[in-house]
């Protein structure tokens, strides 16, 4: 399913600030709630859609972030973010909008846009006797302040205390 990203506002039918009830109604399905060990707040998983919702850790009510993984198809400015495009190209796109975009190897963070992109090593290759690593985008997080302070993987430059393995593993099941 395509999920158009409108920075700091919405992802497809899910608007940041919506309640759990409103999100379930907008998506037309119920998710499964869980509390990750690295975060105090409530999360809700919609694995068939490739979505995870992070709720405010104080009230547990309002959506403060949406994480998209496969099978979701996040689209930003008519560009499919899981299309296999290089992380460098996506970083350049975000940097052209937000000059303070942070690009570190396989992570891109734009606090101004409220977008965090994470890629994993995809392939090791030998290109004319040069070691080459390529990365594939595996998750896109859309957030609105103060999400960065409440969710450790963004607050620590992009990785949770467990390296983000918990939500990536959950998204693969």
C-alpha atoms as a PDB file:
ATOM      1  CA  UNK A   1       0.000   0.000   0.000  1.00  0.00           C
ATOM      2  CA  UNK A   2       1.274   3.480  -0.881  1.00  0.00           C
ATOM      3  CA  UNK A   3       1.665   5.892   2.024  1.00  0.00           C
ATOM      4  CA  UNK A   4       2.222   9.476   0.927  1.00  0.00           C
ATOM      5  CA  UNK A   5       4.395  11.356   3.403  1.00  0.00           C
ATOM      6  CA  UNK A   6       3.524  14.923   4.321  1.00  0.00           C
ATOM      7  CA  UNK A   7       6.335  15.943   6.733  1.00  0.00           C
ATOM      8  CA  UNK A   8       5.313  16.535  10.355  1.00  0.00           C
ATOM      9  CA  UNK A   9       1.669  16.048   9.390  1.00  0.00           C
ATOM     10  CA  UNK A  10       0.667  12.641   8.054  1.00  0.00           C
ATOM     11  CA  UNK A  11       1.556   9.332   6.440  1.00  0.00           C
ATOM     12  CA  UNK A  12      -1.251   8.219   4.152  1.00  0.00           C
ATOM     13  CA  UNK A  13      -4.437   8.321   6.241  1.00  0.00           C
ATOM     14  CA  UNK A  14      -2.555   8.500   9.572  1.00  0.00           C
ATOM     15  CA  UNK A  15      -2.088  11.992  10.969  1.00  0.00           C
ATOM     16  CA  UNK A  16       0.403  12.694  13.713  1.00  0.00           C
ATOM     17  CA  UNK A  17      -1.577  13.571  16.834  1.00  0.00           C
ATOM     18  CA  UNK A  18      -4.376  11.053  16.163  1.00  0.00           C
ATOM     19  CA  UNK A  19      -5.601   8.784  18.944  1.00  0.00           C
ATOM     20  CA  UNK A  20      -5.269   5.017  18.775  1.00  0.00           C
ATOM     21  CA  UNK A  21      -9.010   4.746  18.025  1.00  0.00           C
ATOM     22  CA  UNK A  22      -8.783   7.298  15.176  1.00  0.00           C
ATOM     23  CA  UNK A  23      -5.807   5.490  13.619  1.00  0.00           C
ATOM     24  CA  UNK A  24      -7.543   2.113  13.733  1.00  0.00           C
ATOM     25  CA  UNK A  25     -10.608   3.694  12.160  1.00  0.00           C
ATOM     26  CA  UNK A  26      -8.551   5.414   9.418  1.00  0.00           C
ATOM     27  CA  UNK A  27      -6.674   2.194   8.578  1.00  0.00           C
ATOM     28  CA  UNK A  28      -9.723  -0.029   8.877  1.00  0.00           C
ATOM     29  CA  UNK A  29      -7.849  -2.658  10.900  1.00  0.00           C
ATOM     30  CA  UNK A  30      -6.826  -3.268  14.477  1.00  0.00           C
ATOM     31  CA  UNK A  31      -3.175  -3.443  15.327  1.00  0.00           C
ATOM     32  CA  UNK A  32      -1.484  -5.220  18.189  1.00  0.00           C
ATOM     33  CA  UNK A  33      -0.191  -3.047  21.027  1.00  0.00           C
ATOM     34  CA  UNK A  34       3.171  -3.588  22.688  1.00  0.00           C
ATOM     35  CA  UNK A  35       5.693  -1.773  24.870  1.00  0.00           C
ATOM     36  CA  UNK A  36       9.292  -2.096  23.666  1.00  0.00           C
ATOM     37  CA  UNK A  37      11.977  -2.480  26.297  1.00  0.00           C
ATOM     38  CA  UNK A  38      13.842   0.602  25.016  1.00  0.00           C
ATOM     39  CA  UNK A  39      10.848   2.965  25.141  1.00  0.00           C
ATOM     40  CA  UNK A  40       8.336   3.810  27.847  1.00  0.00           C
ATOM     41  CA  UNK A  41       5.438   4.534  25.508  1.00  0.00           C
ATOM     42  CA  UNK A  42       2.826   2.424  23.855  1.00  0.00           C
ATOM     43  CA  UNK A  43       3.386   1.188  20.302  1.00  0.00           C
ATOM     44  CA  UNK A  44       0.981  -0.428  17.914  1.00  0.00           C
ATOM     45  CA  UNK A  45       1.994  -2.796  15.150  1.00  0.00           C
ATOM     46  CA  UNK A  46       0.159  -3.226  11.835  1.00  0.00           C
ATOM     47  CA  UNK A  47       2.406  -5.886  10.216  1.00  0.00           C
ATOM     48  CA  UNK A  48       0.196  -6.504   7.185  1.00  0.00           C
ATOM     49  CA  UNK A  49       0.502  -2.804   6.323  1.00  0.00           C
ATOM     50  CA  UNK A  50       4.155  -2.388   7.344  1.00  0.00           C
ATOM     51  CA  UNK A  51       3.319   0.260   9.956  1.00  0.00           C
ATOM     52  CA  UNK A  52       4.221   0.819  13.564  1.00  0.00           C
ATOM     53  CA  UNK A  53       2.722   3.691  15.515  1.00  0.00           C
ATOM     54  CA  UNK A  54       4.428   5.308  18.510  1.00  0.00           C
ATOM     55  CA  UNK A  55       2.110   6.978  21.007  1.00  0.00           C
ATOM     56  CA  UNK A  56       2.913   9.696  23.530  1.00  0.00           C
ATOM     57  CA  UNK A  57       4.660   8.006  26.446  1.00  0.00           C
ATOM     58  CA  UNK A  58       3.009  10.277  29.005  1.00  0.00           C
ATOM     59  CA  UNK A  59      -0.644   9.949  28.029  1.00  0.00           C
ATOM     60  CA  UNK A  60      -0.403   6.953  25.678  1.00  0.00           C
ATOM     61  CA  UNK A  61      -3.005   8.653  23.513  1.00  0.00           C
ATOM     62  CA  UNK A  62      -1.605  10.698  20.652  1.00  0.00           C
ATOM     63  CA  UNK A  63       0.488   9.398  17.771  1.00  0.00           C
ATOM     64  CA  UNK A  64       3.905  11.054  17.788  1.00  0.00           C
ATOM     65  CA  UNK A  65       5.598   8.898  15.137  1.00  0.00           C
ATOM     66  CA  UNK A  66       4.938   6.411  12.368  1.00  0.00           C
ATOM     67  CA  UNK A  67       7.502   3.829  11.274  1.00  0.00           C
ATOM     68  CA  UNK A  68       7.099   2.321   7.817  1.00  0.00           C
ATOM     69  CA  UNK A  69       8.708  -0.977   6.827  1.00  0.00           C
ATOM     70  CA  UNK A  70       7.954  -3.507   4.100  1.00  0.00           C
ATOM     71  CA  UNK A  71       5.288  -4.158   2.793  1.00  0.00           C
ATOM     72  CA  UNK A  72       4.416  -0.434   3.104  1.00  0.00           C
ATOM     73  CA  UNK A  73       5.425   1.776   0.202  1.00  0.00           C
ATOM     74  CA  UNK A  74       6.392   5.206   1.599  1.00  0.00           C
ATOM     75  CA  UNK A  75       6.255   7.957  -1.032  1.00  0.00           C
ATOM     76  CA  UNK A  76       7.837  11.375  -0.499  1.00  0.00           C
ATOM     77  CA  UNK A  77       7.606  14.035  -3.198  1.00  0.00           C
ATOM     78  CA  UNK A  78       6.615  11.426  -5.803  1.00  0.00           C
ATOM     79  CA  UNK A  79       9.644   9.274  -4.912  1.00  0.00           C
ATOM     80  CA  UNK A  80       9.145   5.735  -3.617  1.00  0.00           C
ATOM     81  CA  UNK A  81      11.586   5.442  -0.727  1.00  0.00           C
ATOM     82  CA  UNK A  82      11.816   1.623  -0.883  1.00  0.00           C
ATOM     83  CA  UNK A  83      12.533   1.648  -4.617  1.00  0.00           C
ATOM     84  CA  UNK A  84      16.175   0.647  -4.232  1.00  0.00           C
ATOM     85  CA  UNK A  85      17.479   4.155  -4.782  1.00  0.00           C
ATOM     86  CA  UNK A  86      20.799   4.767  -3.044  1.00  0.00           C
ATOM     87  CA  UNK A  87      20.871   6.262   0.404  1.00  0.00           C
ATOM     88  CA  UNK A  88      23.154   8.982  -0.972  1.00  0.00           C
ATOM     89  CA  UNK A  89      20.532  10.111  -3.508  1.00  0.00           C
ATOM     90  CA  UNK A  90      17.829  10.210  -0.830  1.00  0.00           C
ATOM     91  CA  UNK A  91      20.194  12.131   1.447  1.00  0.00           C
ATOM     92  CA  UNK A  92      20.804  14.694  -1.287  1.00  0.00           C
ATOM     93  CA  UNK A  93      17.053  15.088  -1.801  1.00  0.00           C
ATOM     94  CA  UNK A  94      16.423  15.767   1.882  1.00  0.00           C
ATOM     95  CA  UNK A  95      19.501  18.012   2.143  1.00  0.00           C
ATOM     96  CA  UNK A  96      18.161  20.167  -0.679  1.00  0.00           C
ATOM     97  CA  UNK A  97      15.118  20.874   1.507  1.00  0.00           C
ATOM     98  CA  UNK A  98      16.745  20.862   4.962  1.00  0.00           C
ATOM     99  CA  UNK A  99      20.347  22.069   4.987  1.00  0.00           C
ATOM    100  CA  UNK A 100      20.821  20.556   8.453  1.00  0.00           C
ATOM    101  CA  UNK A 101      20.023  17.005   7.347  1.00  0.00           C
ATOM    102  CA  UNK A 102      22.371  14.547   9.041  1.00  0.00           C
ATOM    103  CA  UNK A 103      23.713  11.770   6.824  1.00  0.00           C
ATOM    104  CA  UNK A 104      25.800   9.136   8.532  1.00  0.00           C
ATOM    105  CA  UNK A 105      26.686   6.110   6.425  1.00  0.00           C
ATOM    106  CA  UNK A 106      23.328   4.309   6.329  1.00  0.00           C
ATOM    107  CA  UNK A 107      21.130   6.781   8.222  1.00  0.00           C
ATOM    108  CA  UNK A 108      19.492  10.071   7.291  1.00  0.00           C
ATOM    109  CA  UNK A 109      17.878  12.355   9.843  1.00  0.00           C
ATOM    110  CA  UNK A 110      16.043  15.576   9.051  1.00  0.00           C
ATOM    111  CA  UNK A 111      14.654  17.126  12.214  1.00  0.00           C
ATOM    112  CA  UNK A 112      13.180  20.009  10.230  1.00  0.00           C
ATOM    113  CA  UNK A 113      11.135  17.627   8.081  1.00  0.00           C
ATOM    114  CA  UNK A 114      10.614  15.058  10.805  1.00  0.00           C
ATOM    115  CA  UNK A 115      11.976  12.220   8.670  1.00  0.00           C
ATOM    116  CA  UNK A 116      14.429   9.502   9.653  1.00  0.00           C
ATOM    117  CA  UNK A 117      15.558   6.940   7.065  1.00  0.00           C
ATOM    118  CA  UNK A 118      17.450   3.787   7.984  1.00  0.00           C
ATOM    119  CA  UNK A 119      19.161   1.458   5.517  1.00  0.00           C
ATOM    120  CA  UNK A 120      20.863  -1.888   5.977  1.00  0.00           C
ATOM    121  CA  UNK A 121      23.818  -3.331   4.142  1.00  0.00           C
ATOM    122  CA  UNK A 122      22.432  -5.014   1.103  1.00  0.00           C
ATOM    123  CA  UNK A 123      25.335  -6.314  -0.891  1.00  0.00           C
ATOM    124  CA  UNK A 124      29.069  -6.581  -0.854  1.00  0.00           C
ATOM    125  CA  UNK A 125      30.636  -6.427  -4.240  1.00  0.00           C
ATOM    126  CA  UNK A 126      33.886  -6.111  -6.045  1.00  0.00           C
ATOM    127  CA  UNK A 127      33.760  -3.236  -8.493  1.00  0.00           C
ATOM    128  CA  UNK A 128      37.041  -3.168 -10.427  1.00  0.00           C
ATOM    129  CA  UNK A 129      38.910  -4.641  -7.463  1.00  0.00           C
ATOM    130  CA  UNK A 130      37.403  -2.105  -5.066  1.00  0.00           C
ATOM    131  CA  UNK A 131      35.413  -3.113  -2.020  1.00  0.00           C
ATOM    132  CA  UNK A 132      31.864  -1.855  -2.433  1.00  0.00           C
ATOM    133  CA  UNK A 133      28.907  -1.915  -0.056  1.00  0.00           C
ATOM    134  CA  UNK A 134      25.387  -0.969  -1.062  1.00  0.00           C
ATOM    135  CA  UNK A 135      22.522  -0.152   1.249  1.00  0.00           C
ATOM    136  CA  UNK A 136      18.774  -0.642   0.934  1.00  0.00           C
ATOM    137  CA  UNK A 137      16.305   1.506   2.799  1.00  0.00           C
ATOM    138  CA  UNK A 138      14.439  -0.735   5.231  1.00  0.00           C
ATOM    139  CA  UNK A 139      12.542   1.767   7.373  1.00  0.00           C
ATOM    140  CA  UNK A 140      11.262   5.314   7.268  1.00  0.00           C
ATOM    141  CA  UNK A 141      10.120   7.122  10.412  1.00  0.00           C
ATOM    142  CA  UNK A 142       7.941  10.208  10.319  1.00  0.00           C
ATOM    143  CA  UNK A 143       7.867  12.164  13.554  1.00  0.00           C
ATOM    144  CA  UNK A 144       6.935  15.434  15.135  1.00  0.00           C
ATOM    145  CA  UNK A 145       8.740  17.023  18.053  1.00  0.00           C
ATOM    146  CA  UNK A 146       9.149  16.110  20.854  1.00  0.00           C
ATOM    147  CA  UNK A 147       9.360  12.543  19.497  1.00  0.00           C
ATOM    148  CA  UNK A 148      13.159  12.764  19.231  1.00  0.00           C
ATOM    149  CA  UNK A 149      13.479  13.188  22.995  1.00  0.00           C
ATOM    150  CA  UNK A 150      11.015  10.430  23.765  1.00  0.00           C
ATOM    151  CA  UNK A 151      12.175   7.704  21.375  1.00  0.00           C
ATOM    152  CA  UNK A 152      15.790   6.788  21.987  1.00  0.00           C
ATOM    153  CA  UNK A 153      16.721   5.540  18.527  1.00  0.00           C
ATOM    154  CA  UNK A 154      16.233   9.010  17.054  1.00  0.00           C
ATOM    155  CA  UNK A 155      17.627  10.795  20.117  1.00  0.00           C
ATOM    156  CA  UNK A 156      20.841   8.789  19.817  1.00  0.00           C
ATOM    157  CA  UNK A 157      21.376   9.707  16.199  1.00  0.00           C
ATOM    158  CA  UNK A 158      19.156   7.022  14.793  1.00  0.00           C
ATOM    159  CA  UNK A 159      19.598   3.835  16.793  1.00  0.00           C
ATOM    160  CA  UNK A 160      17.799   2.461  19.793  1.00  0.00           C
ATOM    161  CA  UNK A 161      19.778   0.997  22.632  1.00  0.00           C
ATOM    162  CA  UNK A 162      19.425  -2.354  20.871  1.00  0.00           C
ATOM    163  CA  UNK A 163      20.444  -0.908  17.509  1.00  0.00           C
ATOM    164  CA  UNK A 164      16.826  -0.850  16.373  1.00  0.00           C
ATOM    165  CA  UNK A 165      16.705  -4.633  16.152  1.00  0.00           C
ATOM    166  CA  UNK A 166      13.443  -4.905  18.095  1.00  0.00           C
ATOM    167  CA  UNK A 167      11.284  -2.954  15.681  1.00  0.00           C
ATOM    168  CA  UNK A 168      13.067  -4.255  12.570  1.00  0.00           C
ATOM    169  CA  UNK A 169      12.667  -7.853  13.734  1.00  0.00           C
ATOM    170  CA  UNK A 170       9.021  -7.254  14.625  1.00  0.00           C
ATOM    171  CA  UNK A 171       8.384  -5.808  11.157  1.00  0.00           C
ATOM    172  CA  UNK A 172       9.702  -8.948   9.440  1.00  0.00           C
ATOM    173  CA  UNK A 173       7.297 -11.326  11.154  1.00  0.00           C
END
